[in-house]
Amino acid sequence: MCVVVDSAVIDSITTDKPWIYVLDLSFNHESQLADGEYPGYFRVAVESVITELYPMLTAMTPSELWPSDNRIWESAFE
């Protein structure tokens, strides 16, 4: 996993819940996806990246952590 910043991420900094993209480096990003399939990245609340996400990556894969409803990920227990 790595973090990715673009203009949408920068714009989120002024909201109640700033977020950042996390990119799954083991995912084949050239593959064709059907709607609703894991895209190999998702949004994570900035405050949760170090304290919640990275510890969970030792127990679960990124695709298991991916919130399929496109919400901003804050915890695996939500």
Protein backbone atom coordinates (compact mmCIF):
# COMPACT_ATOMS: atom_id res chain seq x y z
CA MET A 1 0.00 0.00 0.00
CA CYS A 2 1.00 3.56 -0.60
CA VAL A 3 -0.79 6.87 -0.22
CA VAL A 4 -1.75 9.00 -3.22
CA VAL A 5 -2.56 12.70 -3.29
CA ASP A 6 -4.46 14.49 -6.03
CA SER A 7 -6.61 17.63 -6.19
CA ALA A 8 -9.63 15.85 -4.63
CA VAL A 9 -7.47 14.88 -1.63
CA ILE A 10 -6.22 18.45 -1.28
CA ASP A 11 -9.82 19.72 -1.41
CA SER A 12 -10.82 17.27 1.35
CA ILE A 13 -8.41 18.91 3.80
CA THR A 14 -10.94 21.71 4.40
CA THR A 15 -13.81 19.29 5.20
CA ASP A 16 -14.90 17.70 8.47
CA LYS A 17 -13.26 14.42 7.46
CA PRO A 18 -10.05 14.89 5.45
CA TRP A 19 -9.09 11.77 3.52
CA ILE A 20 -6.35 10.35 1.32
CA TYR A 21 -6.26 7.58 -1.27
CA VAL A 22 -4.47 4.34 -0.43
CA LEU A 23 -3.30 2.34 -3.42
CA ASP A 24 -2.89 -1.44 -3.33
CA LEU A 25 0.45 -2.08 -5.05
CA SER A 26 -0.26 -5.81 -5.38
CA PHE A 27 -3.42 -5.18 -7.42
CA ASN A 28 -3.36 -5.41 -11.23
CA HIS A 29 -4.49 -1.86 -12.07
CA GLU A 30 -4.63 -2.68 -15.78
CA SER A 31 -7.43 -5.23 -15.32
CA GLN A 32 -10.98 -4.50 -16.48
CA LEU A 33 -13.43 -4.19 -13.60
CA ALA A 34 -17.16 -4.68 -13.40
CA ASP A 35 -19.19 -2.20 -11.35
CA GLY A 36 -18.89 -2.91 -7.65
CA GLU A 37 -15.58 -4.79 -7.85
CA TYR A 38 -12.57 -3.88 -5.74
CA PRO A 39 -10.70 -1.19 -7.75
CA GLY A 40 -7.33 -1.54 -6.00
CA TYR A 41 -7.63 1.71 -4.05
CA PHE A 42 -9.94 3.43 -1.60
CA ARG A 43 -10.30 6.57 0.50
CA VAL A 44 -9.10 6.56 4.11
CA ALA A 45 -9.59 9.23 6.75
CA VAL A 46 -6.23 10.94 7.30
CA GLU A 47 -6.50 10.42 11.06
CA SER A 48 -6.94 6.65 10.55
CA VAL A 49 -4.07 5.82 8.17
CA ILE A 50 -1.39 5.16 10.79
CA THR A 51 -3.49 4.23 13.83
CA GLU A 52 -6.16 2.04 12.19
CA LEU A 53 -5.33 1.05 8.59
CA TYR A 54 -1.70 0.01 8.69
CA PRO A 55 -2.09 -2.22 11.78
CA MET A 56 -5.09 -3.94 10.12
CA LEU A 57 -3.04 -4.74 7.00
CA THR A 58 -1.20 -7.40 9.00
CA ALA A 59 -4.49 -9.25 9.56
CA MET A 60 -6.57 -8.47 6.47
CA THR A 61 -5.93 -7.85 2.78
CA PRO A 62 -6.68 -4.45 1.25
CA SER A 63 -9.61 -5.92 -0.69
CA GLU A 64 -11.10 -7.19 2.60
CA LEU A 65 -10.75 -3.72 4.12
CA TRP A 66 -12.20 -1.92 1.08
CA PRO A 67 -15.56 -0.26 1.85
CA SER A 68 -17.62 -1.33 -1.17
CA ASP A 69 -20.12 1.47 -0.54
CA ASN A 70 -17.38 4.03 -1.35
CA ARG A 71 -17.51 5.65 2.08
CA ILE A 72 -14.35 7.02 3.66
CA TRP A 73 -12.68 4.17 5.56
CA GLU A 74 -12.10 4.93 9.25
CA SER A 75 -11.90 1.51 10.89
CA ALA A 76 -12.32 -2.16 10.06
CA PHE A 77 -14.92 -2.33 12.82
CA GLU A 78 -17.50 0.05 11.33
